[in-house]
Each structure stands twice: as structure tokens, then as C-alpha cells.
C-alpha atoms as a PDB file:
ATOM      1  CA  PHE A   1      75.555  58.175 161.643  1.00  0.00           C
ATOM      2  CA  ALA A   2      78.913  59.877 162.234  1.00  0.00           C
ATOM      3  CA  LYS A   3      77.030  62.898 163.604  1.00  0.00           C
ATOM      4  CA  LYS A   4      75.129  60.638 165.988  1.00  0.00           C
ATOM      5  CA  MET A   5      78.438  59.177 167.122  1.00  0.00           C
ATOM      6  CA  LEU A   6      79.925  62.629 167.718  1.00  0.00           C
ATOM      7  CA  HIS A   7      76.963  63.583 169.905  1.00  0.00           C
ATOM      8  CA  SER A   8      77.038  60.362 171.890  1.00  0.00           C
ATOM      9  CA  ARG A   9      78.157  60.397 175.503  1.00  0.00           C
ATOM     10  CA  ASP A  10      80.529  57.585 174.475  1.00  0.00           C
ATOM     11  CA  PHE A  11      82.478  59.984 172.235  1.00  0.00           C
ATOM     12  CA  THR A  12      85.369  61.342 174.253  1.00  0.00           C
ATOM     13  CA  THR A  13      88.444  63.471 173.714  1.00  0.00           C
ATOM     14  CA  LEU A  14      91.743  63.440 175.546  1.00  0.00           C
ATOM     15  CA  GLU A  15      92.164  65.995 178.311  1.00  0.00           C
ATOM     16  CA  SER A  16      95.344  67.430 176.815  1.00  0.00           C
ATOM     17  CA  PRO A  17      97.200  67.258 173.497  1.00  0.00           C
ATOM     18  CA  THR A  18      98.882  63.875 173.210  1.00  0.00           C
ATOM     19  CA  ARG A  19     101.155  62.494 170.506  1.00  0.00           C
ATOM     20  CA  ILE A  20      99.909  59.090 169.407  1.00  0.00           C
ATOM     21  CA  ASP A  21     101.845  56.966 166.941  1.00  0.00           C
ATOM     22  CA  LEU A  22      99.478  55.032 164.699  1.00  0.00           C
ATOM     23  CA  VAL A  23      99.694  51.943 162.540  1.00  0.00           C
ATOM     24  CA  ARG A  24      97.283  50.999 159.768  1.00  0.00           C
ATOM     25  CA  LEU A  25      96.981  47.360 158.813  1.00  0.00           C
ATOM     26  CA  ASN A  26      94.468  44.919 157.487  1.00  0.00           C
ATOM     27  CA  VAL A  27      92.895  42.095 159.446  1.00  0.00           C
ATOM     28  CA  ALA A  28      94.938  39.478 157.570  1.00  0.00           C
ATOM     29  CA  ALA A  29      98.177  41.209 158.653  1.00  0.00           C
ATOM     30  CA  LEU A  30      97.215  40.394 162.239  1.00  0.00           C
ATOM     31  CA  GLY A  31      97.331  36.728 161.256  1.00  0.00           C
ATOM     32  CA  LEU A  32      93.575  36.252 161.246  1.00  0.00           C
ATOM     33  CA  ARG A  33      91.781  34.266 158.564  1.00  0.00           C
ATOM     34  CA  GLY A  34      88.163  33.716 157.580  1.00  0.00           C
ATOM     35  CA  SER A  35      85.712  36.178 159.090  1.00  0.00           C
ATOM     36  CA  PRO A  36      86.948  37.098 162.585  1.00  0.00           C
ATOM     37  CA  THR A  37      84.707  39.010 164.974  1.00  0.00           C
ATOM     38  CA  THR A  38      85.464  42.430 166.403  1.00  0.00           C
ATOM     39  CA  ASN A  39      86.409  40.784 169.701  1.00  0.00           C
ATOM     40  CA  GLU A  40      88.865  38.492 167.901  1.00  0.00           C
ATOM     41  CA  VAL A  41      90.404  41.371 165.919  1.00  0.00           C
ATOM     42  CA  TYR A  42      90.820  43.520 169.037  1.00  0.00           C
ATOM     43  CA  ALA A  43      92.235  40.602 171.051  1.00  0.00           C
ATOM     44  CA  LYS A  44      94.810  39.816 168.338  1.00  0.00           C
ATOM     45  CA  ALA A  45      95.783  43.492 168.075  1.00  0.00           C
ATOM     46  CA  ALA A  46      96.305  43.567 171.864  1.00  0.00           C
ATOM     47  CA  GLU A  47      98.487  40.425 171.619  1.00  0.00           C
ATOM     48  CA  TRP A  48     100.684  42.342 169.208  1.00  0.00           C
ATOM     49  CA  GLY A  49     100.957  45.256 171.644  1.00  0.00           C
ATOM     50  CA  LEU A  50      98.539  47.523 169.778  1.00  0.00           C
ATOM     51  CA  TYR A  51      96.056  49.726 171.602  1.00  0.00           C
ATOM     52  CA  LEU A  52      92.650  51.154 170.841  1.00  0.00           C
ATOM     53  CA  CYS A  53      92.667  54.757 169.676  1.00  0.00           C
ATOM     54  CA  PRO A  54      90.719  57.531 171.372  1.00  0.00           C
ATOM     55  CA  SER A  55      87.638  58.251 169.261  1.00  0.00           C
ATOM     56  CA  GLU A  56      88.890  61.750 168.392  1.00  0.00           C
ATOM     57  CA  VAL A  57      91.642  60.181 166.251  1.00  0.00           C
ATOM     58  CA  ALA A  58      89.042  59.709 163.504  1.00  0.00           C
ATOM     59  CA  LEU A  59      88.354  63.438 163.302  1.00  0.00           C
ATOM     60  CA  ARG A  60      92.016  64.350 163.282  1.00  0.00           C
ATOM     61  CA  LEU A  61      92.764  61.808 160.561  1.00  0.00           C
ATOM     62  CA  ARG A  62      89.801  62.977 158.453  1.00  0.00           C
ATOM     63  CA  LEU A  63      91.187  66.531 158.576  1.00  0.00           C
ATOM     64  CA  LYS A  64      94.749  65.379 157.896  1.00  0.00           C
ATOM     65  CA  ASP A  65      94.231  62.640 155.280  1.00  0.00           C
ATOM     66  CA  THR A  66      93.070  64.896 152.442  1.00  0.00           C
ATOM     67  CA  ASN A  67      94.944  62.903 149.782  1.00  0.00           C
ATOM     68  CA  GLN A  68      93.237  59.610 150.566  1.00  0.00           C
ATOM     69  CA  PRO A  69      93.128  57.597 147.329  1.00  0.00           C
ATOM     70  CA  LEU A  70      89.826  57.092 145.537  1.00  0.00           C
ATOM     71  CA  GLY A  71      88.127  53.907 146.768  1.00  0.00           C
ATOM     72  CA  ASP A  72      90.281  53.728 149.903  1.00  0.00           C
ATOM     73  CA  SER A  73      88.584  52.910 153.204  1.00  0.00           C
ATOM     74  CA  TYR A  74      89.731  52.219 156.748  1.00  0.00           C
ATOM     75  CA  CYS A  75      88.267  52.064 160.239  1.00  0.00           C
ATOM     76  CA  ILE A  76      89.527  53.267 163.590  1.00  0.00           C
ATOM     77  CA  GLY A  77      90.309  50.574 166.141  1.00  0.00           C
ATOM     78  CA  MET A  78      88.547  52.208 169.081  1.00  0.00           C
ATOM     79  CA  LYS A  79      86.079  51.590 171.869  1.00  0.00           C
ATOM     80  CA  GLN A  80      82.760  51.237 170.092  1.00  0.00           C
ATOM     81  CA  ILE A  81      80.143  53.965 170.350  1.00  0.00           C
ATOM     82  CA  SER A  82      76.529  52.884 170.843  1.00  0.00           C
ATOM     83  CA  ILE A  83      74.090  54.629 168.537  1.00  0.00           C
ATOM     84  CA  ARG A  84      70.418  54.111 167.960  1.00  0.00           C
ATOM     85  CA  HIS A  85      69.162  53.132 164.509  1.00  0.00           C
ATOM     86  CA  ARG A  86      65.582  53.390 163.346  1.00  0.00           C
ATOM     87  CA  LEU A  87      64.415  50.333 161.487  1.00  0.00           C
ATOM     88  CA  TYR A  88      61.486  50.558 159.109  1.00  0.00           C
ATOM     89  CA  ARG A  89      58.814  53.230 159.148  1.00  0.00           C
ATOM     90  CA  GLY A  90      55.230  53.433 160.304  1.00  0.00           C
ATOM     91  CA  ALA A  91      53.538  50.842 162.492  1.00  0.00           C
ATOM     92  CA  TYR A  92      56.493  48.442 162.299  1.00  0.00           C
ATOM     93  CA  ALA A  93      59.121  51.002 163.242  1.00  0.00           C
ATOM     94  CA  SER A  94      61.552  49.954 165.908  1.00  0.00           C
ATOM     95  CA  ARG A  95      64.763  51.296 167.326  1.00  0.00           C
ATOM     96  CA  VAL A  96      67.827  49.226 167.914  1.00  0.00           C
ATOM     97  CA  TYR A  97      71.191  50.099 169.355  1.00  0.00           C
ATOM     98  CA  ASP A  98      74.363  49.044 167.647  1.00  0.00           C
ATOM     99  CA  GLN A  99      78.024  49.564 168.377  1.00  0.00           C
ATOM    100  CA  GLU A 100      79.963  51.489 165.783  1.00  0.00           C
ATOM    101  CA  VAL A 101      83.490  52.684 165.038  1.00  0.00           C
ATOM    102  CA  PHE A 102      84.456  55.504 162.703  1.00  0.00           C
ATOM    103  CA  ARG A 103      85.202  54.743 159.065  1.00  0.00           C
ATOM    104  CA  LEU A 104      87.140  57.068 156.769  1.00  0.00           C
ATOM    105  CA  TRP A 105      86.718  56.607 153.051  1.00  0.00           C
ATOM    106  CA  ARG A 106      86.892  58.364 149.730  1.00  0.00           C
ATOM    107  CA  VAL A 107      84.563  57.922 146.795  1.00  0.00           C
ATOM    108  CA  GLU A 108      83.975  59.988 143.674  1.00  0.00           C
ATOM    109  CA  ASN A 109      81.947  62.632 145.504  1.00  0.00           C
ATOM    110  CA  GLY A 110      84.645  63.250 148.116  1.00  0.00           C
ATOM    111  CA  LEU A 111      86.037  62.381 151.518  1.00  0.00           C
ATOM    112  CA  HIS A 112      83.718  60.884 154.110  1.00  0.00           C
ATOM    113  CA  LEU A 113      83.606  60.199 157.818  1.00  0.00           C
ATOM    114  CA  SER A 114      80.992  57.583 158.598  1.00  0.00           C
ATOM    115  CA  GLN A 115      80.419  54.551 160.776  1.00  0.00           C
ATOM    116  CA  TYR A 116      81.164  50.856 160.564  1.00  0.00           C
ATOM    117  CA  THR A 117      79.242  48.313 162.624  1.00  0.00           C
ATOM    118  CA  ALA A 118      81.665  46.778 165.120  1.00  0.00           C
ATOM    119  CA  ASN A 119      79.610  45.126 167.816  1.00  0.00           C
ATOM    120  CA  PRO A 120      81.597  42.384 169.582  1.00  0.00           C
ATOM    121  CA  ARG A 121      80.218  39.629 167.321  1.00  0.00           C
ATOM    122  CA  ALA A 122      80.312  41.572 164.028  1.00  0.00           C
ATOM    123  CA  TYR A 123      82.401  39.909 161.330  1.00  0.00           C
ATOM    124  CA  TRP A 124      85.339  41.527 159.566  1.00  0.00           C
ATOM    125  CA  ASP A 125      86.720  40.706 156.153  1.00  0.00           C
ATOM    126  CA  THR A 126      90.459  39.992 156.177  1.00  0.00           C
ATOM    127  CA  GLY A 127      90.939  42.895 153.755  1.00  0.00           C
ATOM    128  CA  ASN A 128      89.337  45.422 156.125  1.00  0.00           C
ATOM    129  CA  GLU A 129      91.906  47.935 157.353  1.00  0.00           C
ATOM    130  CA  LEU A 130      92.065  49.447 160.825  1.00  0.00           C
ATOM    131  CA  VAL A 131      94.187  52.045 162.570  1.00  0.00           C
ATOM    132  CA  PHE A 132      95.533  51.269 166.051  1.00  0.00           C
ATOM    133  CA  ALA A 133      97.784  53.130 168.483  1.00  0.00           C
ATOM    134  CA  LEU A 134     101.324  51.768 168.822  1.00  0.00           C
ATOM    135  CA  ARG A 135     101.793  52.665 172.463  1.00  0.00           C
ATOM    136  CA  PRO A 136      99.473  54.023 175.081  1.00  0.00           C
ATOM    137  CA  SER A 137      99.436  57.444 176.630  1.00  0.00           C
ATOM    138  CA  THR A 138      98.206  57.632 180.194  1.00  0.00           C
ATOM    139  CA  SER A 139      94.697  58.181 178.807  1.00  0.00           C
ATOM    140  CA  LEU A 140      94.891  55.181 176.487  1.00  0.00           C
ATOM    141  CA  ARG A 141      95.977  52.567 179.004  1.00  0.00           C
ATOM    142  CA  THR A 142      93.499  49.864 179.740  1.00  0.00           C
ATOM    143  CA  GLY A 143      93.794  47.889 182.911  1.00  0.00           C
ATOM    144  CA  LYS A 144      97.274  47.749 184.416  1.00  0.00           C
ATOM    145  CA  SER A 145      99.172  47.004 181.220  1.00  0.00           C
ATOM    146  CA  THR A 146     102.041  49.357 180.483  1.00  0.00           C
ATOM    147  CA  GLN A 147     103.872  47.236 177.960  1.00  0.00           C
ATOM    148  CA  THR A 148     104.964  48.695 174.653  1.00  0.00           C
ATOM    149  CA  PRO A 149     105.010  46.848 171.348  1.00  0.00           C
ATOM    150  CA  SER A 150     107.851  44.410 170.945  1.00  0.00           C
ATOM    151  CA  PRO A 151     110.636  45.335 168.494  1.00  0.00           C
ATOM    152  CA  SER A 152     109.529  42.457 166.284  1.00  0.00           C
ATOM    153  CA  LEU A 153     106.074  44.018 165.771  1.00  0.00           C
ATOM    154  CA  PHE A 154     107.089  45.750 162.553  1.00  0.00           C
ATOM    155  CA  GLY A 155     108.731  42.575 161.289  1.00  0.00           C
ATOM    156  CA  ARG A 156     105.497  40.665 161.847  1.00  0.00           C
ATOM    157  CA  ILE A 157     103.397  43.360 160.179  1.00  0.00           C
ATOM    158  CA  PHE A 158     105.605  43.713 157.111  1.00  0.00           C
ATOM    159  CA  LYS A 159     106.107  39.966 156.843  1.00  0.00           C
ATOM    160  CA  HIS A 160     102.437  39.705 155.837  1.00  0.00           C
END
């Protein structure tokens, strides 16, 4: 699935090298409880002054994070990439599109880059971890917002 995502027209890279400061936190650290949806997680992250990462961040982190602990897993908070899945085989085969983000994980057979379903109504466990950008570059800005995270952001994150 990661290969499908890389070949999607939704996969983009920044036009020039850009330094992006990242933060990794779990859904509960955002103050969310229960099983929040992707839309709720992204909205809460935006409230805290966090931004979605460009999709290429996943590749750079996979190359950089070679000492990821066994059993560790995290997703990239990014604009979802639509990919087509084939359901079933034979006469009942159908194709559906789903929205995915990159997932980086390590299991006994090594480091992996895969996908995690993140359509707007998909549910997240409060233990799921995501990586977000701390401040936008010109390419990361959405809408007209140019605000940067408040100084109390780290206090709120580490309080949880």
C-alpha cells in the first residue's frame, strides 16, 4: 500500500529543501478521549498550533529513524492520500477508494513503511501516535493562517 501511495498523484514533495520541526505525540496528549475521528484529531492538533506534514516527511523519517524500538509504531499527520483497494476476488471483486496516511513501524522482521486508514470518519485509539509539524513553511500553510504554536504548547504536551 505504501508503494501505491508513493505513486499517487496526491503524493507531493516540497519544491525546495525546507527545515521542518516535528513533534510526535499520542492522541490522548491532544486531550482527546474515547475513539476520536481523523477530523477530530486534526482539528485538535490545529487548535494547538500544529500543522500537517508534507507526505515526504514519512520517507525522510523512515530513512532517519533506523533505531526505532521493536514494536514501536507511529503515523504521519498529513493530508490523506486516496488509494484504491481490491476487495475479494472473482465474481464478487470490487474496488474501493480509501484515504490513507503513512505509518512507520518496526517488528521482528525489520523496519516498515506502510499505510494507516485515516479517512475523515476513521476512528483513532488514544494510544495511537502521530507526527505533526510545529510551524508551517510557506508550502505547509493552509488557508491564511500564519500563527505559530503558543509557548505553552510544550507545557500542554508534557503535562499529559
